[in-house]
Amino acid sequence: MDKMRQGVVLFITLSVIAAMLAIVGVLYTYLGKSKQSAAYTQALIQSNLLFRDSKVIISDLLKQSAKDKEMRKTLLDMLYLAPITLQEEEGDHYATLTCQPLDNGVNINWLGLEGNATMESHYTVAQDLFDAIVEQNDIANPTLLLEKIREAIDPHRYPPQNPQGREEQKKGIISLLQFQDIIREYRFESDDMGKEPIAWEEYFSFGRDALYIEGNYISAKLIAQLFDLELSLVQAEWSIGDDLKQFVTNQGADISQYDAKIFAKEPQERMQCRVTYGYQEDSYTFAFKYLEERAVEFEFFGKE
């Protein structure tokens, strides 16, 4: 009887110990999550401070060169062609700012300008480019793809074919990620997997209210397409930041394709930037757009 009682006591004791270990394990898990949450919050606060500072840095650079076009071009080249890194002399804190022109391509939203007399040149260049890309890449149903793009550009003018279950859309395609979602939806509906992914970002730019293309910063693929040049030749001769009009002239291409209504005469204060920074032994990233002295569309990506 005593042995049985001892066995029961031992069983209860082991059960209590097991339960306590389980509770301790759960507590450690919650403590770990709480610590991670606190670190995330602190990193987010740090990103907001850096966001403010980055905006000031860009604004000050542009103000310094406001009256000197050559200096302005040099500063923008420096900003676009190489990242700017700030590092503490002693310590692990650093921040790297990388920017590129927001309008370094034909704006995808120009495909929604059909019938707009004042923007006819913009619509034409976008539509011709789209037609060339879908033909060269054997897109199975370009009409469906164009419909989906236009639905996103202006859902009121081009209402969705299948609106059930869709949330109210805002006008315009403002990011490559948004455009890639449109491509995935098109592929699902059309069962068109295509030969290989198309580098749409080398031809089109994404953002609202674009009036011009920053010609000096466009890709070799876009130059070859717009001016009917051999891609291999352009890739060998073109350097981003060069004078596009002069380049086209030197290559003997049809200079009439260089439409002054489309290509910016002066550098535009429209760019998208990304900041990677070190904080508490980890790296974090956020992005934003700088539009003529305004920093907008802040997006925090968290730990890399």
Protein backbone atom coordinates (compact mmCIF):
# COMPACT_ATOMS: atom_id res chain seq x y z
CA MET A 1 0.00 0.00 0.00
CA ASP A 2 2.86 2.37 0.87
CA LYS A 3 4.55 1.54 -2.41
CA MET A 4 1.35 2.31 -4.28
CA ARG A 5 1.00 5.59 -2.41
CA GLN A 6 4.64 6.43 -3.18
CA GLY A 7 4.05 5.60 -6.83
CA VAL A 8 1.00 7.87 -6.97
CA VAL A 9 2.94 10.69 -5.28
CA LEU A 10 5.84 10.21 -7.69
CA PHE A 11 3.45 10.24 -10.65
CA ILE A 12 1.80 13.42 -9.40
CA THR A 13 5.20 14.99 -8.77
CA LEU A 14 6.40 14.12 -12.27
CA SER A 15 3.14 15.46 -13.73
CA VAL A 16 3.58 18.73 -11.82
CA ILE A 17 7.19 19.03 -12.98
CA ALA A 18 6.15 18.32 -16.58
CA ALA A 19 3.38 20.92 -16.35
CA MET A 20 5.76 23.47 -14.87
CA LEU A 21 8.30 22.82 -17.62
CA ALA A 22 5.57 23.30 -20.21
CA ILE A 23 4.52 26.57 -18.58
CA VAL A 24 8.13 27.75 -18.46
CA GLY A 25 8.50 26.85 -22.14
CA VAL A 26 5.40 28.85 -23.02
CA LEU A 27 6.64 31.79 -20.94
CA TYR A 28 10.01 31.74 -22.71
CA THR A 29 8.22 31.67 -26.05
CA TYR A 30 6.11 34.69 -25.10
CA LEU A 31 9.13 36.49 -23.73
CA GLY A 32 10.99 35.83 -26.98
CA LYS A 33 8.08 37.14 -29.04
CA SER A 34 7.77 40.16 -26.77
CA LYS A 35 11.47 40.89 -27.17
CA GLN A 36 11.21 40.56 -30.94
CA SER A 37 8.17 42.84 -30.98
CA ALA A 38 10.01 45.44 -28.92
CA ALA A 39 13.05 45.25 -31.22
CA TYR A 40 10.77 45.61 -34.27
CA THR A 41 9.07 48.66 -32.76
CA GLN A 42 12.41 50.27 -31.90
CA ALA A 43 13.71 49.57 -35.41
CA LEU A 44 10.56 51.12 -36.88
CA ILE A 45 11.07 54.26 -34.79
CA GLN A 46 14.67 54.38 -35.99
CA SER A 47 13.53 54.05 -39.61
CA ASN A 48 11.19 57.02 -39.19
CA LEU A 49 14.08 59.13 -37.93
CA LEU A 50 16.25 58.04 -40.86
CA PHE A 51 13.36 58.68 -43.25
CA ARG A 52 13.20 62.27 -42.05
CA ASP A 53 16.97 62.67 -42.33
CA SER A 54 17.10 61.12 -45.82
CA LYS A 55 14.48 63.57 -47.05
CA VAL A 56 16.53 66.46 -45.68
CA ILE A 57 19.75 65.15 -47.28
CA ILE A 58 18.14 64.89 -50.73
CA SER A 59 16.43 68.27 -50.39
CA ASP A 60 19.67 70.00 -49.34
CA LEU A 61 21.61 68.42 -52.22
CA LEU A 62 19.08 69.62 -54.77
CA LYS A 63 18.86 73.12 -53.27
CA GLN A 64 22.64 73.51 -53.49
CA SER A 65 22.48 72.90 -57.23
CA ALA A 66 19.23 74.72 -58.01
CA LYS A 67 20.92 77.46 -60.07
CA ASP A 68 23.64 75.33 -61.67
CA LYS A 69 22.37 72.75 -64.20
CA GLU A 70 25.74 71.04 -64.57
CA MET A 71 26.15 70.69 -60.83
CA ARG A 72 22.58 69.43 -60.53
CA LYS A 73 23.24 66.76 -63.17
CA THR A 74 26.45 65.72 -61.41
CA LEU A 75 24.71 65.43 -58.04
CA LEU A 76 21.84 63.39 -59.47
CA ASP A 77 24.27 61.10 -61.29
CA MET A 78 26.08 60.57 -58.00
CA LEU A 79 22.81 59.84 -56.25
CA TYR A 80 21.47 57.48 -58.93
CA LEU A 81 24.61 55.61 -59.95
CA ALA A 82 26.14 54.77 -56.57
CA PRO A 83 24.71 54.27 -53.08
CA ILE A 84 25.55 56.79 -50.36
CA THR A 85 26.71 55.12 -47.14
CA LEU A 86 27.10 56.83 -43.76
CA GLN A 87 29.11 54.87 -41.19
CA GLU A 88 30.04 55.66 -37.62
CA GLU A 89 33.78 55.91 -37.08
CA GLU A 90 33.39 53.65 -34.07
CA GLY A 91 30.39 51.40 -33.84
CA ASP A 92 28.13 49.23 -35.96
CA HIS A 93 25.59 51.86 -36.95
CA TYR A 94 25.37 52.62 -40.67
CA ALA A 95 22.82 53.70 -43.26
CA THR A 96 22.97 53.22 -47.04
CA LEU A 97 20.78 55.38 -49.29
CA THR A 98 20.09 54.17 -52.84
CA CYS A 99 17.91 56.15 -55.26
CA GLN A 100 16.85 55.95 -58.87
CA PRO A 101 14.65 58.14 -61.07
CA LEU A 102 10.97 57.37 -60.72
CA ASP A 103 10.44 58.09 -64.42
CA ASN A 104 13.26 56.08 -66.03
CA GLY A 105 10.86 54.37 -68.41
CA VAL A 106 7.61 54.79 -70.30
CA ASN A 107 5.01 55.27 -67.59
CA ILE A 108 2.61 52.32 -67.53
CA ASN A 109 -0.31 54.62 -66.68
CA TRP A 110 -0.02 56.30 -70.10
CA LEU A 111 -1.81 53.22 -71.49
CA GLY A 112 -4.96 54.74 -69.98
CA LEU A 113 -4.70 58.03 -71.91
CA GLU A 114 -6.47 56.91 -75.07
CA GLY A 115 -8.54 59.79 -76.43
CA ASN A 116 -6.68 62.45 -74.40
CA ALA A 117 -5.71 64.98 -77.08
CA THR A 118 -3.13 66.78 -74.93
CA MET A 119 -1.36 63.52 -74.05
CA GLU A 120 -1.59 61.80 -77.42
CA SER A 121 2.19 61.39 -77.75
CA HIS A 122 2.38 59.76 -74.31
CA TYR A 123 -0.41 57.31 -75.09
CA THR A 124 1.08 56.43 -78.48
CA VAL A 125 4.57 55.65 -77.17
CA ALA A 126 3.14 53.51 -74.36
CA GLN A 127 0.78 51.60 -76.65
CA ASP A 128 3.43 51.01 -79.32
CA LEU A 129 5.84 49.75 -76.67
CA PHE A 130 3.24 47.43 -75.15
CA ASP A 131 2.34 46.03 -78.58
CA ALA A 132 5.99 45.37 -79.39
CA ILE A 133 6.66 43.60 -76.08
CA VAL A 134 3.63 41.29 -76.25
CA GLU A 135 4.44 40.40 -79.87
CA GLN A 136 8.12 39.68 -79.20
CA ASN A 137 7.25 37.53 -76.19
CA ASP A 138 4.30 35.65 -77.71
CA ILE A 139 1.75 36.79 -75.13
CA ALA A 140 -1.26 34.56 -75.77
CA ASN A 141 -4.01 37.07 -75.00
CA PRO A 142 -2.66 40.65 -75.16
CA THR A 143 -6.21 42.05 -75.24
CA LEU A 144 -7.00 40.52 -71.85
CA LEU A 145 -3.70 41.72 -70.40
CA LEU A 146 -4.29 45.26 -71.64
CA GLU A 147 -7.81 45.20 -70.18
CA LYS A 148 -6.45 44.26 -66.77
CA ILE A 149 -3.79 46.96 -66.90
CA ARG A 150 -6.36 49.59 -67.84
CA GLU A 151 -8.75 48.40 -65.10
CA ALA A 152 -6.00 49.15 -62.57
CA ILE A 153 -5.14 52.49 -64.19
CA ASP A 154 -8.71 53.78 -64.15
CA PRO A 155 -11.38 51.38 -62.82
CA HIS A 156 -14.11 53.94 -63.50
CA ARG A 157 -13.28 54.48 -67.16
CA TYR A 158 -12.37 50.81 -67.70
CA PRO A 159 -14.67 48.88 -65.31
CA PRO A 160 -13.53 45.33 -64.39
CA GLN A 161 -14.98 42.50 -66.46
CA ASN A 162 -15.46 40.42 -63.29
CA PRO A 163 -16.01 42.90 -60.43
CA GLN A 164 -17.38 40.36 -57.90
CA GLY A 165 -15.46 40.31 -54.67
CA ARG A 166 -13.13 43.16 -55.64
CA GLU A 167 -12.38 45.99 -53.28
CA GLU A 168 -12.70 49.59 -54.40
CA GLN A 169 -9.57 50.35 -56.42
CA LYS A 170 -7.57 53.53 -56.43
CA LYS A 171 -6.59 54.97 -59.79
CA GLY A 172 -3.15 54.23 -61.12
CA ILE A 173 -0.42 51.63 -61.03
CA ILE A 174 2.14 52.96 -58.56
CA SER A 175 4.64 50.13 -58.12
CA LEU A 176 6.28 47.19 -59.85
CA LEU A 177 4.83 44.86 -57.19
CA GLN A 178 1.31 46.03 -58.03
CA PHE A 179 2.00 45.46 -61.73
CA GLN A 180 3.38 41.97 -61.05
CA ASP A 181 0.11 41.12 -59.27
CA ILE A 182 -1.73 42.12 -62.46
CA ILE A 183 0.55 39.86 -64.52
CA ARG A 184 -0.08 36.91 -62.15
CA GLU A 185 -3.83 37.46 -62.33
CA TYR A 186 -3.65 37.57 -66.12
CA ARG A 187 -1.63 34.33 -66.25
CA PHE A 188 -4.09 32.58 -63.96
CA GLU A 189 -7.10 33.59 -66.05
CA SER A 190 -5.52 33.03 -69.46
CA ASP A 191 -3.41 29.97 -68.56
CA ASP A 192 -0.57 31.75 -70.34
CA MET A 193 2.70 30.89 -68.65
CA GLY A 194 4.81 32.46 -71.41
CA LYS A 195 8.32 31.48 -72.45
CA GLU A 196 10.10 33.28 -69.61
CA PRO A 197 9.42 36.22 -67.28
CA ILE A 198 9.50 39.63 -68.99
CA ALA A 199 11.61 42.35 -67.36
CA TRP A 200 8.79 44.90 -67.56
CA GLU A 201 10.70 47.26 -65.26
CA GLU A 202 13.34 47.74 -67.97
CA TYR A 203 10.71 49.25 -70.26
CA PHE A 204 8.04 50.81 -68.03
CA SER A 205 8.06 53.02 -64.95
CA PHE A 206 5.38 53.01 -62.26
CA GLY A 207 3.99 56.07 -60.52
CA ARG A 208 1.21 58.61 -60.76
CA ASP A 209 1.31 61.99 -62.49
CA ALA A 210 4.37 61.37 -64.67
CA LEU A 211 4.66 63.85 -67.53
CA TYR A 212 8.10 62.97 -68.87
CA ILE A 213 10.68 60.22 -69.28
CA GLU A 214 14.10 60.79 -67.69
CA GLY A 215 15.84 59.83 -70.94
CA ASN A 216 19.39 59.90 -69.60
CA TYR A 217 18.63 57.09 -67.16
CA ILE A 218 16.62 54.61 -69.24
CA SER A 219 17.73 51.04 -69.93
CA ALA A 220 19.56 49.79 -73.01
CA LYS A 221 16.55 47.57 -73.81
CA LEU A 222 14.20 50.55 -73.89
CA ILE A 223 16.57 52.59 -76.08
CA ALA A 224 16.87 49.72 -78.56
CA GLN A 225 13.10 49.37 -78.69
CA LEU A 226 12.23 53.07 -78.98
CA PHE A 227 14.86 53.94 -81.58
CA ASP A 228 15.03 50.66 -83.53
CA LEU A 229 18.66 49.94 -82.66
CA GLU A 230 20.47 46.64 -82.18
CA LEU A 231 20.36 45.76 -78.48
CA SER A 232 23.94 44.44 -78.45
CA LEU A 233 25.17 47.74 -79.90
CA VAL A 234 23.31 49.81 -77.30
CA GLN A 235 24.50 47.59 -74.46
CA ALA A 236 28.09 48.05 -75.61
CA GLU A 237 27.92 51.82 -76.08
CA TRP A 238 25.32 53.15 -73.63
CA SER A 239 26.08 54.19 -70.06
CA ILE A 240 23.25 55.27 -67.80
CA GLY A 241 23.61 58.99 -67.15
CA ASP A 242 24.80 59.79 -70.68
CA ASP A 243 22.95 62.30 -72.87
CA LEU A 244 20.29 60.23 -74.64
CA LYS A 245 19.63 62.67 -77.48
CA GLN A 246 23.34 62.88 -78.28
CA PHE A 247 23.65 59.09 -78.08
CA VAL A 248 20.78 58.56 -80.53
CA THR A 249 22.30 61.09 -82.93
CA ASN A 250 25.74 59.44 -82.72
CA GLN A 251 24.25 56.04 -83.51
CA GLY A 252 22.58 57.38 -86.66
CA ALA A 253 19.09 56.48 -85.42
CA ASP A 254 15.92 58.31 -86.41
CA ILE A 255 16.15 61.40 -84.22
CA SER A 256 12.51 62.26 -85.00
CA GLN A 257 11.62 59.50 -82.51
CA TYR A 258 13.08 61.69 -79.78
CA ASP A 259 9.86 63.52 -78.89
CA ALA A 260 10.47 66.67 -76.84
CA LYS A 261 6.94 66.36 -75.42
CA ILE A 262 7.91 63.06 -73.81
CA PHE A 263 11.55 63.36 -72.78
CA ALA A 264 12.42 65.72 -69.93
CA LYS A 265 14.53 68.73 -70.87
CA GLU A 266 15.85 69.07 -67.32
CA PRO A 267 16.31 66.58 -64.47
CA GLN A 268 13.12 65.93 -62.53
CA GLU A 269 12.90 65.86 -58.75
CA ARG A 270 11.08 62.53 -58.82
CA MET A 271 12.84 59.50 -57.44
CA GLN A 272 12.32 56.31 -55.49
CA CYS A 273 14.75 55.58 -52.68
CA ARG A 274 15.64 52.69 -50.45
CA VAL A 275 17.52 52.85 -47.14
CA THR A 276 19.23 49.90 -45.46
CA TYR A 277 20.53 50.50 -41.96
CA GLY A 278 22.10 48.62 -39.07
CA TYR A 279 20.35 48.57 -35.73
CA GLN A 280 21.08 46.33 -32.74
CA GLU A 281 23.23 43.93 -34.78
CA ASP A 282 20.56 43.48 -37.47
CA SER A 283 19.87 45.13 -40.84
CA TYR A 284 16.53 46.75 -41.68
CA THR A 285 15.17 48.32 -44.85
CA PHE A 286 12.56 50.91 -45.77
CA ALA A 287 11.64 52.73 -48.98
CA PHE A 288 9.95 55.97 -50.01
CA LYS A 289 9.40 58.26 -52.97
CA TYR A 290 10.76 61.79 -53.20
CA LEU A 291 8.54 64.02 -55.32
CA GLU A 292 9.60 67.67 -55.65
CA GLU A 293 10.51 68.37 -52.01
CA ARG A 294 7.94 65.90 -50.67
CA ALA A 295 8.76 62.44 -49.31
CA VAL A 296 5.77 60.10 -49.64
CA GLU A 297 4.73 56.43 -49.62
CA PHE A 298 6.97 55.33 -46.75
CA GLU A 299 7.17 51.52 -46.60
CA PHE A 300 8.97 49.58 -43.86
CA PHE A 301 10.20 46.12 -44.89
CA GLY A 302 11.59 45.07 -41.53
CA LYS A 303 14.64 42.90 -40.89
CA GLU A 304 16.56 41.61 -43.90
